[in-house]
């Protein structure tokens, strides 16, 4: 679905007074493939390049070097822009920057209307997509009066009405409270597991990344870790070196292991931790 080949990206910075131009290289030779139907989380500290990478998957940014392909389409070829944007939808951190209509259902209809989709089909898509994100009852509400989590779900619905095969979410829960985060993550998981949509989630919340199929860690514009969540988060000390945390339950297991308790180092969920602790206490009683 998504592929990068030796991807480099540099921001151009020009001093308006002197005319001097400097280039700040953000991505350094990124090579990766993201399969159709997968759920990939991308982690990294602030300034690591993860959001810059995400914007390449939707052709918002174009490579300074190397190539990016979306379902085989070269993002540097302007003729592919419509196909790329139709295939890979983008949801940003702040939904207020993405919502343009006065009514929720008009917001969901905005993109297909501009694509020239016939009215009956637009109606079907709007109803279906608001249902997917659990916002049907708010169809006639004003987006400005919704909670943060509800706004973000409307933003996701407005992307879904374009019927993309892939959705890229750039820290969509960063501005939300715990309830809003839970609402949005439940929607993302539903899209991936029930609809088979390819998901790329840029996040700095470790618990969100733990629910993905694959975790990619970026540091200073390069991929430093790339594996299933259990193997990535088991590397607690390495993640600390990179300025990242681990899921709280993984951190707890790591501390107990350090104190001599025989627990696995790759625990990711509370249920799994409870099960392993019960097994351990059972052995200790014997």
Protein backbone atom coordinates (compact mmCIF):
# COMPACT_ATOMS: atom_id res chain seq x y z
CA UNK A 1 0.00 0.00 0.00
CA UNK A 2 2.76 2.46 1.00
CA UNK A 3 6.43 2.29 0.12
CA UNK A 4 9.45 4.54 0.54
CA UNK A 5 12.77 4.01 -1.19
CA UNK A 6 15.79 5.80 0.27
CA UNK A 7 13.59 8.77 1.22
CA UNK A 8 15.31 12.04 2.10
CA UNK A 9 13.59 15.30 2.93
CA UNK A 10 15.03 18.77 3.56
CA UNK A 11 13.21 21.91 4.62
CA UNK A 12 14.36 25.04 2.80
CA UNK A 13 14.95 28.07 5.03
CA UNK A 14 15.71 31.42 3.35
CA UNK A 15 16.82 34.54 5.25
CA UNK A 16 14.74 37.34 3.73
CA UNK A 17 17.29 40.00 4.70
CA UNK A 18 20.47 38.36 3.42
CA UNK A 19 18.99 35.99 0.85
CA UNK A 20 21.03 33.14 2.29
CA UNK A 21 19.43 29.71 1.97
CA UNK A 22 19.92 26.88 4.44
CA UNK A 23 18.59 23.32 4.29
CA UNK A 24 17.56 21.34 7.34
CA UNK A 25 17.54 17.62 6.56
CA UNK A 26 14.73 15.89 8.46
CA UNK A 27 14.54 12.39 6.92
CA UNK A 28 17.65 10.36 6.14
CA UNK A 29 17.26 7.42 3.76
CA UNK A 30 13.95 5.95 4.98
CA UNK A 31 13.12 2.53 3.50
CA UNK A 32 9.87 0.82 4.45
CA UNK A 33 6.87 -1.05 3.12
CA UNK A 34 3.41 -0.94 4.69
CA UNK A 35 1.09 -3.77 3.66
CA UNK A 36 -2.55 -3.42 2.72
CA UNK A 37 -4.88 -3.98 5.67
CA UNK A 38 -2.18 -3.52 8.31
CA UNK A 39 -2.18 -1.25 11.35
CA UNK A 40 1.17 0.49 11.78
CA UNK A 41 2.06 2.89 14.59
CA UNK A 42 4.94 5.34 14.17
CA UNK A 43 6.66 6.64 17.31
CA UNK A 44 9.36 9.21 17.94
CA UNK A 45 10.12 12.15 20.19
CA UNK A 46 9.23 15.69 19.10
CA UNK A 47 11.26 16.66 16.05
CA UNK A 48 12.15 13.07 15.14
CA UNK A 49 10.55 13.33 11.68
CA UNK A 50 7.47 11.15 12.18
CA UNK A 51 4.94 13.79 11.09
CA UNK A 52 7.13 14.74 8.14
CA UNK A 53 7.10 11.10 7.07
CA UNK A 54 3.30 10.93 7.40
CA UNK A 55 2.82 13.91 5.10
CA UNK A 56 4.77 12.10 2.37
CA UNK A 57 2.15 9.32 2.32
CA UNK A 58 -0.51 11.80 1.19
CA UNK A 59 1.78 13.83 -1.12
CA UNK A 60 1.47 16.89 1.10
CA UNK A 61 5.26 16.84 1.08
CA UNK A 62 7.39 15.53 -1.77
CA UNK A 63 10.79 13.84 -1.41
CA UNK A 64 14.01 15.83 -1.63
CA UNK A 65 15.59 12.54 -2.58
CA UNK A 66 14.38 8.99 -3.12
CA UNK A 67 10.83 7.88 -3.88
CA UNK A 68 7.46 7.42 -2.19
CA UNK A 69 4.76 5.22 -3.70
CA UNK A 70 1.10 4.99 -2.72
CA UNK A 71 -0.36 1.78 -4.14
CA UNK A 72 2.34 1.93 -6.80
CA UNK A 73 1.74 5.60 -7.67
CA UNK A 74 4.80 7.85 -7.57
CA UNK A 75 3.96 10.86 -5.37
CA UNK A 76 6.38 13.07 -7.34
CA UNK A 77 4.29 12.67 -10.51
CA UNK A 78 1.58 15.39 -10.49
CA UNK A 79 -0.65 13.22 -12.66
CA UNK A 80 -1.01 10.82 -9.72
CA UNK A 81 -2.12 13.42 -7.19
CA UNK A 82 -5.86 12.77 -7.49
CA UNK A 83 -5.37 9.00 -7.26
CA UNK A 84 -3.04 9.33 -4.27
CA UNK A 85 -5.37 11.63 -2.32
CA UNK A 86 -8.30 9.32 -3.12
CA UNK A 87 -6.37 6.26 -1.93
CA UNK A 88 -4.70 7.67 1.18
CA UNK A 89 -6.77 9.99 3.40
CA UNK A 90 -5.18 12.21 6.05
CA UNK A 91 -6.48 13.17 9.49
CA UNK A 92 -4.61 15.88 11.37
CA UNK A 93 -3.91 16.59 15.03
CA UNK A 94 -6.35 19.49 15.42
CA UNK A 95 -9.82 18.75 13.98
CA UNK A 96 -10.68 22.46 14.03
CA UNK A 97 -8.15 22.92 11.21
CA UNK A 98 -9.89 20.28 9.12
CA UNK A 99 -13.59 21.05 9.62
CA UNK A 100 -15.08 23.57 7.19
CA UNK A 101 -18.89 23.15 7.23
CA UNK A 102 -21.53 24.48 9.62
CA UNK A 103 -23.36 21.13 10.01
CA UNK A 104 -21.88 17.68 10.65
CA UNK A 105 -23.52 15.94 7.68
CA UNK A 106 -22.45 18.80 5.38
CA UNK A 107 -18.89 18.30 6.63
CA UNK A 108 -19.04 14.60 5.77
CA UNK A 109 -20.47 15.43 2.32
CA UNK A 110 -17.91 18.14 1.51
CA UNK A 111 -15.24 15.96 -0.11
CA UNK A 112 -17.46 13.76 -2.32
CA UNK A 113 -19.40 16.84 -3.46
CA UNK A 114 -16.14 18.39 -4.63
CA UNK A 115 -15.23 15.14 -6.34
CA UNK A 116 -18.46 15.30 -8.36
CA UNK A 117 -20.10 12.25 -6.78
CA UNK A 118 -23.83 12.03 -7.54
CA UNK A 119 -26.20 13.15 -4.73
CA UNK A 120 -27.71 9.71 -3.99
CA UNK A 121 -24.26 8.21 -3.58
CA UNK A 122 -23.18 11.12 -1.37
CA UNK A 123 -26.21 10.51 0.85
CA UNK A 124 -25.33 6.83 1.14
CA UNK A 125 -21.69 7.56 1.99
CA UNK A 126 -22.52 10.24 4.55
CA UNK A 127 -25.00 7.98 6.36
CA UNK A 128 -22.64 5.00 6.28
CA UNK A 129 -19.54 6.90 7.42
CA UNK A 130 -21.24 8.78 10.24
CA UNK A 131 -22.53 5.39 11.37
CA UNK A 132 -19.04 3.88 11.28
CA UNK A 133 -17.65 6.58 13.59
CA UNK A 134 -20.75 6.59 15.82
CA UNK A 135 -21.87 10.13 14.97
CA UNK A 136 -25.23 9.51 13.26
CA UNK A 137 -27.22 11.15 16.05
CA UNK A 138 -25.14 14.32 15.62
CA UNK A 139 -25.70 14.60 11.84
CA UNK A 140 -27.56 17.92 12.20
CA UNK A 141 -25.35 19.34 14.95
CA UNK A 142 -22.82 22.14 14.64
CA UNK A 143 -19.22 20.85 14.76
CA UNK A 144 -18.23 23.83 16.92
CA UNK A 145 -20.50 22.56 19.71
CA UNK A 146 -19.05 19.03 19.80
CA UNK A 147 -16.42 17.69 22.17
CA UNK A 148 -12.86 17.21 20.96
CA UNK A 149 -13.30 13.47 20.49
CA UNK A 150 -16.55 13.97 18.59
CA UNK A 151 -14.94 16.56 16.31
CA UNK A 152 -12.10 14.18 15.54
CA UNK A 153 -14.56 11.41 14.70
CA UNK A 154 -16.35 13.81 12.32
CA UNK A 155 -12.98 14.60 10.73
CA UNK A 156 -12.39 10.87 10.25
CA UNK A 157 -15.87 10.47 8.71
CA UNK A 158 -15.17 13.33 6.29
CA UNK A 159 -12.11 11.42 5.07
CA UNK A 160 -13.96 8.10 4.91
CA UNK A 161 -16.60 9.52 2.53
CA UNK A 162 -13.87 9.65 -0.11
CA UNK A 163 -13.65 5.86 0.33
CA UNK A 164 -9.87 5.68 0.78
CA UNK A 165 -8.10 2.36 1.14
CA UNK A 166 -5.65 3.81 3.64
CA UNK A 167 -5.99 6.39 6.40
CA UNK A 168 -3.05 8.27 7.91
CA UNK A 169 -3.62 9.87 11.30
CA UNK A 170 -1.09 12.42 12.52
CA UNK A 171 -1.36 12.44 16.34
CA UNK A 172 -5.18 12.55 16.21
CA UNK A 173 -5.57 12.21 19.99
CA UNK A 174 -2.87 14.67 21.09
CA UNK A 175 -5.38 17.40 22.01
CA UNK A 176 -8.01 15.12 23.56
CA UNK A 177 -8.91 14.08 27.09
CA UNK A 178 -8.83 10.35 28.01
CA UNK A 179 -12.47 9.82 27.00
CA UNK A 180 -11.92 11.50 23.62
CA UNK A 181 -8.77 9.44 23.07
CA UNK A 182 -10.68 6.25 23.80
CA UNK A 183 -13.47 7.21 21.35
CA UNK A 184 -11.04 7.93 18.53
CA UNK A 185 -8.91 4.82 19.13
CA UNK A 186 -12.01 2.62 19.18
CA UNK A 187 -12.98 4.10 15.81
CA UNK A 188 -9.50 3.54 14.35
CA UNK A 189 -9.43 -0.10 15.50
CA UNK A 190 -12.90 -0.67 14.04
CA UNK A 191 -11.81 0.69 10.65
CA UNK A 192 -8.83 -1.63 10.60
CA UNK A 193 -10.34 -4.81 12.03
CA UNK A 194 -13.87 -4.68 10.63
CA UNK A 195 -13.37 -2.71 7.41
CA UNK A 196 -9.87 -3.96 6.54
CA UNK A 197 -8.57 -0.41 6.09
CA UNK A 198 -4.83 0.20 6.13
CA UNK A 199 -4.04 2.45 9.11
CA UNK A 200 -0.90 4.47 9.82
CA UNK A 201 -1.06 6.10 13.24
CA UNK A 202 1.48 8.73 14.24
CA UNK A 203 1.37 8.97 18.03
CA UNK A 204 3.36 9.65 21.17
CA UNK A 205 1.05 7.56 23.34
CA UNK A 206 2.60 4.17 23.93
CA UNK A 207 -0.70 2.51 24.88
CA UNK A 208 -2.13 3.48 21.47
CA UNK A 209 0.89 2.07 19.65
CA UNK A 210 0.59 -1.19 21.60
CA UNK A 211 -2.72 -1.92 19.83
CA UNK A 212 -1.08 -1.85 16.38
CA UNK A 213 0.25 -4.80 14.35
CA UNK A 214 3.61 -3.12 13.89
CA UNK A 215 5.56 -0.34 15.60
CA UNK A 216 8.14 1.80 13.84
CA UNK A 217 10.36 4.07 15.93
CA UNK A 218 12.02 7.05 14.26
CA UNK A 219 14.92 8.97 15.78
CA UNK A 220 16.60 11.94 14.11
CA UNK A 221 15.04 11.11 10.76
CA UNK A 222 16.01 7.43 10.64
CA UNK A 223 14.21 4.19 11.51
CA UNK A 224 15.84 2.69 14.60
CA UNK A 225 13.27 0.05 15.61
CA UNK A 226 10.71 -1.80 13.49
CA UNK A 227 8.89 -4.87 14.81
CA UNK A 228 5.71 -6.14 16.45
CA UNK A 229 4.73 -4.19 19.60
CA UNK A 230 5.79 -6.93 22.04
CA UNK A 231 9.36 -6.96 20.69
CA UNK A 232 9.66 -3.18 20.48
CA UNK A 233 8.29 -2.41 23.93
CA UNK A 234 10.30 -5.19 25.56
CA UNK A 235 13.35 -3.00 24.84
CA UNK A 236 12.59 -0.67 27.75
CA UNK A 237 16.15 0.63 28.23
CA UNK A 238 16.59 1.26 24.50
CA UNK A 239 13.33 3.22 24.36
CA UNK A 240 14.44 5.31 27.31
CA UNK A 241 17.66 6.14 25.47
CA UNK A 242 15.50 7.38 22.61
CA UNK A 243 13.49 9.61 24.94
CA UNK A 244 10.38 7.42 24.79
CA UNK A 245 8.24 5.71 27.40
CA UNK A 246 6.66 2.27 27.36
CA UNK A 247 3.05 1.27 28.16
CA UNK A 248 2.54 1.59 31.92
CA UNK A 249 1.90 -2.12 32.39
CA UNK A 250 5.11 -2.94 30.49
CA UNK A 251 7.01 -0.52 32.72
CA UNK A 252 5.57 -2.23 35.80
CA UNK A 253 6.63 -5.66 34.54
CA UNK A 254 10.11 -4.31 33.79
CA UNK A 255 10.44 -2.94 37.36
CA UNK A 256 9.28 -6.23 38.88
CA UNK A 257 11.73 -8.18 36.71
CA UNK A 258 14.48 -5.85 37.89
CA UNK A 259 13.54 -6.69 41.48
CA UNK A 260 13.82 -10.41 40.80
CA UNK A 261 10.29 -11.45 39.90
CA UNK A 262 10.07 -13.98 37.08
CA UNK A 263 7.81 -12.12 34.64
CA UNK A 264 7.96 -11.83 30.84
CA UNK A 265 9.43 -8.59 29.54
CA UNK A 266 6.91 -8.18 26.74
CA UNK A 267 3.65 -7.72 28.68
CA UNK A 268 1.42 -5.14 26.96
CA UNK A 269 -2.04 -5.40 28.55
CA UNK A 270 -3.48 -5.25 32.05
CA UNK A 271 -5.24 -8.60 31.54
CA UNK A 272 -1.98 -10.24 30.47
CA UNK A 273 -0.16 -8.76 33.48
CA UNK A 274 -2.87 -9.99 35.86
CA UNK A 275 -2.69 -13.50 34.40
CA UNK A 276 1.11 -13.67 34.69
CA UNK A 277 1.09 -12.28 38.23
CA UNK A 278 -1.51 -14.84 39.32
CA UNK A 279 0.63 -17.61 37.84
CA UNK A 280 3.69 -16.22 39.64
CA UNK A 281 1.93 -15.91 43.00
CA UNK A 282 0.59 -19.46 42.60
CA UNK A 283 4.13 -20.76 42.16
CA UNK A 284 5.38 -18.71 45.11
CA UNK A 285 2.71 -20.20 47.43
CA UNK A 286 3.95 -23.67 46.55
